[in-house]
Amino acid sequence: MTEREERDLTGRKFYGADQEVAFSDKATPDTPQTRHPAYRLAFRDTDFLLREELRPVRFQLELLKPEMLLDEAGVGSTLVMYGSARIPSPDHVDALLKNATDENRVVAERLAAKAKYYDEAYRLARMVSERAIVQDGKRQFVITSGGGPSIMEAANRGASEAGAESIGLNIVLPHEQAPNQYVTPYLSFQFHYFALRKMHFLLRAKAVAVFPGGFGTFDEFFELLTLIQTGKMKPMPILLFGKDFWTRVIDWDAFAEEGVISRDDLNLFRWCETAEEAWGHIAGFYDIQD
């Protein structure tokens, strides 16, 4: 440290952690004591950080890291897009049907029929990204997906081909998987805890588009409905694509008829079939003039 730096009123007197690491690496002698794991700096000791007792710290890190990086990236709000990882893109429909066996042909045909939602997810993401809305110096409606294939890929691809950045919130799973190629690299995050991933989906969300999907999509969608229904979140546009699918797998009227929800709760979301319909609901809700 120079004499000028020592006399600087704005600088800190303590060395930063990165500087202390450099001192440790440079000056530590090789002895039985220094080689023992107990001597490692706690924040560099992976074995220590992975201990059962450190779970609260790991929770905090998974909350803090994406929050800091998204803030530094100027992300003000997001348009979150949920949907199946199994729906094929239109380019892969022929291969899916060709490889279908007699046993799974009906399933393959039903998945193929949903390929149109890949297109709509792509179109919605591109449409919103091209508008490049900025408010208070922050980017608004930044496309966010789970970072995987299918509907998630369509969302990130739409943003990418509009020349915009997009977010991918990936999760560690037992089987091999990786972020899709369209996620902006420095906005591609990996989570261990589903709970923290869920938080980051909704912390900046100003609208959510939900496409046909399985357990994961249902989980995210119903949690969002619950948060708004119970008043834990303020209302926002929730765009539900694929009325034929959703009314086939869920008897919405029965929910209300059984008395476990109110009839008004069915107004928490809006049916959509096209990207234009979805954007119309979003623009109307926030009084955005195209």
Protein backbone atom coordinates (compact mmCIF):
# COMPACT_ATOMS: atom_id res chain seq x y z
CA MET A 1 0.00 0.00 0.00
CA THR A 2 1.38 3.41 -0.96
CA GLU A 3 1.60 6.33 1.46
CA ARG A 4 -1.11 8.10 -0.54
CA GLU A 5 -3.43 5.12 -0.16
CA GLU A 6 -2.71 4.97 3.56
CA ARG A 7 -3.83 8.60 3.94
CA ASP A 8 -6.93 8.26 1.74
CA LEU A 9 -10.04 9.14 3.77
CA THR A 10 -12.40 7.12 1.56
CA GLY A 11 -10.48 3.87 1.49
CA ARG A 12 -10.90 1.02 3.94
CA LYS A 13 -8.21 0.15 6.46
CA PHE A 14 -8.86 -3.59 6.37
CA TYR A 15 -7.65 -5.60 3.41
CA GLY A 16 -10.32 -7.21 1.26
CA ALA A 17 -10.91 -10.95 1.37
CA ASP A 18 -9.39 -11.37 -2.08
CA GLN A 19 -6.21 -9.66 -0.91
CA GLU A 20 -6.04 -11.80 2.21
CA VAL A 21 -6.36 -14.91 0.04
CA ALA A 22 -3.43 -13.73 -2.04
CA PHE A 23 -1.37 -13.12 1.12
CA SER A 24 -2.25 -16.61 2.38
CA ASP A 25 -1.33 -18.32 -0.87
CA LYS A 26 1.96 -16.48 -1.11
CA ALA A 27 3.19 -16.53 2.45
CA THR A 28 1.90 -19.76 4.00
CA PRO A 29 4.72 -22.27 4.64
CA ASP A 30 4.20 -25.97 3.95
CA THR A 31 3.86 -27.57 7.38
CA PRO A 32 1.65 -30.27 8.94
CA GLN A 33 -0.42 -27.50 10.50
CA THR A 34 -1.00 -25.54 7.29
CA ARG A 35 -1.80 -28.70 5.31
CA HIS A 36 -4.58 -29.69 7.68
CA PRO A 37 -8.16 -28.74 6.59
CA ALA A 38 -8.68 -26.94 9.90
CA TYR A 39 -6.24 -24.26 8.74
CA ARG A 40 -8.10 -23.37 5.56
CA LEU A 41 -9.85 -20.04 5.40
CA ALA A 42 -13.48 -20.89 6.18
CA PHE A 43 -14.88 -19.30 3.02
CA ARG A 44 -12.44 -21.32 0.86
CA ASP A 45 -13.13 -24.61 2.61
CA THR A 46 -15.63 -26.45 0.41
CA ASP A 47 -15.81 -29.44 2.74
CA PHE A 48 -16.77 -27.11 5.57
CA LEU A 49 -19.36 -25.20 3.49
CA LEU A 50 -21.03 -28.48 2.50
CA ARG A 51 -21.54 -29.64 6.07
CA GLU A 52 -25.11 -30.23 7.24
CA GLU A 53 -24.87 -27.40 9.75
CA LEU A 54 -24.04 -24.90 7.00
CA ARG A 55 -27.36 -25.29 5.15
CA PRO A 56 -28.62 -21.86 6.33
CA VAL A 57 -25.47 -20.27 4.91
CA ARG A 58 -25.93 -22.06 1.59
CA PHE A 59 -29.54 -20.85 1.49
CA GLN A 60 -28.32 -17.30 1.96
CA LEU A 61 -25.68 -17.65 -0.75
CA GLU A 62 -28.22 -18.96 -3.29
CA LEU A 63 -30.51 -16.06 -2.49
CA LEU A 64 -27.75 -13.45 -2.56
CA LYS A 65 -25.66 -14.40 -5.61
CA PRO A 66 -28.40 -14.14 -8.29
CA GLU A 67 -29.89 -11.10 -6.56
CA MET A 68 -26.60 -9.23 -6.69
CA LEU A 69 -25.79 -10.22 -10.28
CA LEU A 70 -29.27 -9.37 -11.57
CA ASP A 71 -29.11 -6.00 -9.84
CA GLU A 72 -25.67 -5.33 -11.34
CA ALA A 73 -27.06 -6.30 -14.77
CA GLY A 74 -29.75 -3.63 -14.50
CA VAL A 75 -32.67 -6.07 -14.46
CA GLY A 76 -35.69 -4.24 -13.06
CA SER A 77 -38.46 -6.71 -13.77
CA THR A 78 -39.04 -9.99 -15.58
CA LEU A 79 -41.57 -11.81 -17.73
CA VAL A 80 -41.40 -15.37 -16.45
CA MET A 81 -42.29 -18.21 -18.79
CA TYR A 82 -43.14 -21.68 -17.46
CA GLY A 83 -43.82 -24.79 -19.54
CA SER A 84 -43.01 -28.37 -20.36
CA ALA A 85 -39.51 -29.64 -21.08
CA ARG A 86 -41.03 -32.31 -23.38
CA ILE A 87 -43.01 -30.39 -25.99
CA PRO A 88 -41.06 -30.56 -29.27
CA SER A 89 -40.20 -27.58 -31.40
CA PRO A 90 -41.94 -27.61 -34.79
CA ASP A 91 -38.61 -28.63 -36.34
CA HIS A 92 -38.58 -31.86 -34.32
CA VAL A 93 -42.19 -32.94 -34.75
CA ASP A 94 -41.52 -35.19 -37.75
CA ALA A 95 -38.70 -37.00 -35.96
CA LEU A 96 -40.85 -37.49 -32.87
CA LEU A 97 -43.66 -39.05 -34.87
CA LYS A 98 -41.32 -41.12 -37.00
CA ASN A 99 -39.67 -42.67 -33.93
CA ALA A 100 -42.96 -43.29 -32.11
CA THR A 101 -43.86 -46.90 -31.39
CA ASP A 102 -47.36 -48.33 -31.37
CA GLU A 103 -47.33 -48.12 -27.58
CA ASN A 104 -46.50 -44.43 -27.36
CA ARG A 105 -47.92 -43.12 -30.63
CA VAL A 106 -50.92 -41.43 -29.02
CA VAL A 107 -48.65 -39.65 -26.55
CA ALA A 108 -46.28 -38.61 -29.35
CA GLU A 109 -49.18 -37.23 -31.37
CA ARG A 110 -50.44 -35.23 -28.41
CA LEU A 111 -46.99 -33.78 -27.77
CA ALA A 112 -46.64 -32.97 -31.47
CA ALA A 113 -49.97 -31.13 -31.39
CA LYS A 114 -48.57 -28.88 -28.66
CA ALA A 115 -45.57 -27.80 -30.76
CA LYS A 116 -47.54 -24.68 -31.64
CA TYR A 117 -46.90 -23.48 -28.09
CA TYR A 118 -43.15 -23.54 -28.72
CA ASP A 119 -43.84 -21.04 -31.50
CA GLU A 120 -46.09 -18.89 -29.29
CA ALA A 121 -43.54 -18.87 -26.46
CA TYR A 122 -40.86 -17.84 -28.94
CA ARG A 123 -43.07 -15.13 -30.44
CA LEU A 124 -44.08 -13.71 -27.06
CA ALA A 125 -40.48 -13.58 -25.83
CA ARG A 126 -39.31 -11.94 -29.05
CA MET A 127 -42.22 -9.50 -29.10
CA VAL A 128 -41.58 -8.32 -25.56
CA SER A 129 -37.80 -8.22 -25.97
CA GLU A 130 -38.00 -6.11 -29.11
CA ARG A 131 -39.89 -3.45 -27.16
CA ALA A 132 -36.82 -3.05 -24.91
CA ILE A 133 -38.75 -1.24 -22.18
CA VAL A 134 -36.57 0.69 -19.74
CA GLN A 135 -37.86 2.47 -16.66
CA ASP A 136 -35.87 4.23 -13.95
CA GLY A 137 -32.72 3.08 -15.71
CA LYS A 138 -33.66 -0.59 -15.33
CA ARG A 139 -34.63 -3.09 -18.01
CA GLN A 140 -38.23 -4.25 -17.69
CA PHE A 141 -39.87 -7.57 -18.64
CA VAL A 142 -36.55 -9.37 -19.12
CA ILE A 143 -37.41 -12.88 -20.31
CA THR A 144 -36.83 -15.53 -17.65
CA SER A 145 -37.16 -19.29 -17.98
CA GLY A 146 -36.04 -22.42 -16.17
CA GLY A 147 -33.13 -22.50 -18.60
CA GLY A 148 -33.94 -25.95 -19.99
CA PRO A 149 -35.25 -27.29 -23.31
CA SER A 150 -38.60 -27.03 -25.11
CA ILE A 151 -40.83 -24.14 -23.94
CA MET A 152 -37.95 -22.79 -21.87
CA GLU A 153 -35.65 -22.86 -24.89
CA ALA A 154 -38.29 -21.10 -26.98
CA ALA A 155 -38.45 -18.27 -24.43
CA ASN A 156 -34.70 -17.71 -24.30
CA ARG A 157 -34.40 -18.15 -28.06
CA GLY A 158 -37.05 -15.51 -28.73
CA ALA A 159 -35.19 -13.00 -26.61
CA SER A 160 -31.82 -13.91 -28.11
CA GLU A 161 -33.01 -13.55 -31.70
CA ALA A 162 -34.48 -10.16 -30.81
CA GLY A 163 -30.98 -9.12 -29.77
CA ALA A 164 -31.87 -9.08 -26.07
CA GLU A 165 -30.46 -10.79 -23.02
CA SER A 166 -32.48 -13.33 -21.05
CA ILE A 167 -32.26 -15.21 -17.78
CA GLY A 168 -32.09 -18.96 -17.15
CA LEU A 169 -32.67 -20.41 -13.67
CA ASN A 170 -31.35 -23.95 -13.92
CA ILE A 171 -31.58 -26.61 -11.21
CA VAL A 172 -29.22 -29.46 -10.34
CA LEU A 173 -30.93 -32.79 -11.11
CA PRO A 174 -29.74 -36.39 -10.80
CA HIS A 175 -29.82 -36.86 -14.57
CA GLU A 176 -27.54 -34.95 -16.89
CA GLN A 177 -28.86 -31.60 -18.05
CA ALA A 178 -27.56 -28.15 -18.91
CA PRO A 179 -28.81 -24.66 -19.78
CA ASN A 180 -30.11 -24.19 -23.31
CA GLN A 181 -27.78 -22.37 -25.70
CA TYR A 182 -29.90 -19.20 -25.84
CA VAL A 183 -29.58 -18.17 -22.19
CA THR A 184 -27.31 -15.16 -21.74
CA PRO A 185 -24.17 -16.68 -20.16
CA TYR A 186 -23.75 -14.13 -17.38
CA LEU A 187 -27.46 -14.44 -16.54
CA SER A 188 -27.37 -18.24 -16.39
CA PHE A 189 -27.75 -19.46 -12.81
CA GLN A 190 -27.65 -22.90 -11.24
CA PHE A 191 -29.52 -23.78 -8.06
CA HIS A 192 -29.31 -26.61 -5.57
CA TYR A 193 -32.45 -25.61 -3.67
CA PHE A 194 -35.80 -25.56 -5.45
CA ALA A 195 -37.07 -23.13 -2.81
CA LEU A 196 -34.50 -20.48 -3.68
CA ARG A 197 -35.03 -20.97 -7.41
CA LYS A 198 -38.75 -20.42 -6.88
CA MET A 199 -38.04 -17.18 -5.03
CA HIS A 200 -35.92 -15.84 -7.87
CA PHE A 201 -38.59 -16.69 -10.42
CA LEU A 202 -41.01 -14.37 -8.66
CA LEU A 203 -38.95 -11.69 -6.90
CA ARG A 204 -38.79 -9.54 -10.04
CA ALA A 205 -41.76 -10.97 -11.96
CA LYS A 206 -44.26 -8.48 -13.36
CA ALA A 207 -46.04 -11.04 -15.56
CA VAL A 208 -46.03 -14.82 -15.91
CA ALA A 209 -46.89 -16.87 -18.99
CA VAL A 210 -47.76 -20.52 -18.29
CA PHE A 211 -47.76 -23.06 -21.12
CA PRO A 212 -48.84 -26.72 -20.98
CA GLY A 213 -46.55 -28.68 -18.71
CA GLY A 214 -46.15 -31.37 -16.11
CA PHE A 215 -45.52 -31.51 -12.36
CA GLY A 216 -42.94 -28.71 -12.40
CA THR A 217 -45.18 -26.34 -14.33
CA PHE A 218 -48.15 -27.18 -12.11
CA ASP A 219 -46.04 -26.61 -9.02
CA GLU A 220 -44.86 -23.15 -10.09
CA PHE A 221 -48.28 -22.12 -11.42
CA PHE A 222 -50.29 -23.17 -8.38
CA GLU A 223 -47.78 -21.66 -5.98
CA LEU A 224 -48.13 -18.35 -7.82
CA LEU A 225 -51.93 -18.57 -7.68
CA THR A 226 -51.73 -19.33 -3.95
CA LEU A 227 -49.45 -16.38 -3.24
CA ILE A 228 -51.81 -13.97 -4.99
CA GLN A 229 -54.99 -15.58 -3.65
CA THR A 230 -53.73 -15.28 -0.08
CA GLY A 231 -52.50 -11.73 -0.54
CA LYS A 232 -48.82 -12.55 -0.11
CA MET A 233 -48.18 -11.12 -3.59
CA LYS A 234 -49.81 -8.27 -5.42
CA PRO A 235 -51.85 -9.24 -8.52
CA MET A 236 -50.06 -9.46 -11.85
CA PRO A 237 -50.97 -10.74 -15.32
CA ILE A 238 -50.93 -14.55 -15.36
CA LEU A 239 -51.37 -15.77 -18.94
CA LEU A 240 -52.49 -19.38 -19.25
CA PHE A 241 -51.85 -20.81 -22.71
CA GLY A 242 -53.71 -23.88 -23.97
CA LYS A 243 -57.29 -23.91 -22.72
CA ASP A 244 -57.98 -27.32 -24.27
CA PHE A 245 -55.07 -28.83 -22.35
CA TRP A 246 -55.77 -27.18 -19.01
CA THR A 247 -59.51 -27.86 -19.00
CA ARG A 248 -58.82 -31.51 -19.90
CA VAL A 249 -56.41 -32.10 -17.03
CA ILE A 250 -58.08 -29.83 -14.44
CA ASP A 251 -61.78 -29.41 -13.72
CA TRP A 252 -61.69 -25.73 -12.82
CA ASP A 253 -65.41 -25.42 -12.22
CA ALA A 254 -65.29 -28.34 -9.80
CA PHE A 255 -62.81 -26.43 -7.65
CA ALA A 256 -65.35 -23.67 -7.15
CA GLU A 257 -68.35 -26.00 -6.94
CA GLU A 258 -66.66 -27.98 -4.15
CA GLY A 259 -66.19 -24.74 -2.23
CA VAL A 260 -62.42 -25.08 -1.80
CA ILE A 261 -61.85 -21.89 -3.81
CA SER A 262 -64.16 -19.04 -4.64
CA ARG A 263 -65.52 -18.48 -8.13
CA ASP A 264 -63.60 -15.18 -8.24
CA ASP A 265 -60.31 -17.06 -7.84
CA LEU A 266 -60.73 -18.30 -11.41
CA ASN A 267 -60.19 -14.71 -12.50
CA LEU A 268 -56.61 -14.70 -11.22
CA PHE A 269 -55.42 -15.85 -14.65
CA ARG A 270 -56.33 -15.09 -18.26
CA TRP A 271 -56.71 -17.62 -21.06
CA CYS A 272 -54.42 -17.08 -24.05
CA GLU A 273 -53.69 -18.83 -27.32
CA THR A 274 -51.42 -16.30 -29.01
CA ALA A 275 -48.52 -14.06 -28.11
CA GLU A 276 -50.56 -11.04 -29.17
CA GLU A 277 -53.31 -11.89 -26.67
CA ALA A 278 -50.76 -12.29 -23.90
CA TRP A 279 -49.03 -9.00 -24.60
CA GLY A 280 -52.42 -7.30 -24.84
CA HIS A 281 -53.23 -8.40 -21.27
CA ILE A 282 -49.82 -7.27 -20.01
CA ALA A 283 -49.95 -3.90 -21.76
CA GLY A 284 -53.50 -3.31 -20.57
CA PHE A 285 -52.68 -4.20 -16.97
CA TYR A 286 -49.71 -1.78 -16.84
CA ASP A 287 -51.19 0.83 -19.19
CA ILE A 288 -48.33 0.45 -21.65
CA GLN A 289 -48.84 2.35 -24.89
CA ASP A 290 -47.36 0.57 -27.91
